[in-house]
């Protein structure tokens, strides 16, 4: 893991196509803006985990199936 300090208004680059800008800091919350091409999905971690769990559940065999 790479740890970097940024101030409000500063940006970091992820590769050549993705930028993350610090917009505001209020207490323990940081507001960021992510600029990425349309083909690069950007999710909050907790949302991605929910999507992944839902996809796994949809693919699981139904309970009480044949047998």
Protein backbone atom coordinates (compact mmCIF):
# COMPACT_ATOMS: atom_id res chain seq x y z
CA UNK A 1 0.00 0.00 0.00
CA UNK A 2 1.24 3.45 -0.90
CA UNK A 3 0.32 6.26 1.50
CA UNK A 4 0.32 9.85 0.29
CA UNK A 5 -0.56 13.16 1.93
CA UNK A 6 -2.67 15.58 -0.12
CA UNK A 7 -4.22 18.91 0.76
CA UNK A 8 -7.55 20.31 -0.37
CA UNK A 9 -7.42 21.03 -4.10
CA UNK A 10 -4.50 18.69 -4.75
CA UNK A 11 -4.76 15.75 -7.14
CA UNK A 12 -3.17 12.35 -7.47
CA UNK A 13 -2.96 10.29 -10.64
CA UNK A 14 -3.74 6.58 -10.95
CA UNK A 15 -2.12 5.47 -14.17
CA UNK A 16 -2.52 7.95 -17.01
CA UNK A 17 -6.32 8.16 -17.15
CA UNK A 18 -7.62 8.42 -13.58
CA UNK A 19 -7.34 11.41 -11.27
CA UNK A 20 -8.46 11.75 -7.66
CA UNK A 21 -8.81 15.28 -6.26
CA UNK A 22 -9.32 16.17 -2.59
CA UNK A 23 -12.31 18.52 -2.44
CA UNK A 24 -12.92 18.90 1.29
CA UNK A 25 -11.98 17.57 4.70
CA UNK A 26 -14.55 17.77 7.50
CA UNK A 27 -13.55 16.01 10.69
CA UNK A 28 -12.86 12.37 9.82
CA UNK A 29 -14.56 12.59 6.39
CA UNK A 30 -12.79 13.38 3.14
CA UNK A 31 -14.67 14.36 -0.02
CA UNK A 32 -12.90 13.36 -3.22
CA UNK A 33 -13.64 13.70 -6.92
CA UNK A 34 -12.68 10.81 -9.19
CA UNK A 35 -12.25 11.48 -12.90
CA UNK A 36 -12.00 8.27 -14.92
CA UNK A 37 -12.83 7.16 -18.47
CA UNK A 38 -16.29 5.66 -18.96
CA UNK A 39 -14.86 2.15 -19.35
CA UNK A 40 -13.25 2.26 -15.88
CA UNK A 41 -15.75 1.37 -13.15
CA UNK A 42 -15.43 3.36 -9.92
CA UNK A 43 -17.16 2.02 -6.81
CA UNK A 44 -17.04 2.67 -3.09
CA UNK A 45 -15.60 -0.42 -1.39
CA UNK A 46 -18.79 -1.24 0.52
CA UNK A 47 -20.92 -0.97 -2.63
CA UNK A 48 -18.59 -3.28 -4.57
CA UNK A 49 -18.76 -5.85 -1.76
CA UNK A 50 -22.58 -5.74 -1.84
CA UNK A 51 -22.63 -6.14 -5.62
CA UNK A 52 -20.21 -9.06 -5.40
CA UNK A 53 -22.27 -10.79 -2.69
CA UNK A 54 -25.47 -10.32 -4.69
CA UNK A 55 -23.83 -11.75 -7.83
CA UNK A 56 -22.59 -14.80 -5.88
CA UNK A 57 -26.04 -15.34 -4.38
CA UNK A 58 -27.66 -15.14 -7.82
CA UNK A 59 -25.30 -17.82 -9.13
CA UNK A 60 -25.71 -20.17 -6.16
CA UNK A 61 -27.94 -23.22 -6.67
CA UNK A 62 -31.38 -22.80 -5.08
CA UNK A 63 -31.77 -24.19 -1.58
CA UNK A 64 -33.73 -27.40 -1.44
CA UNK A 65 -33.04 -28.17 -5.07
CA UNK A 66 -33.64 -31.54 -6.74
CA UNK A 67 -32.57 -34.57 -4.81
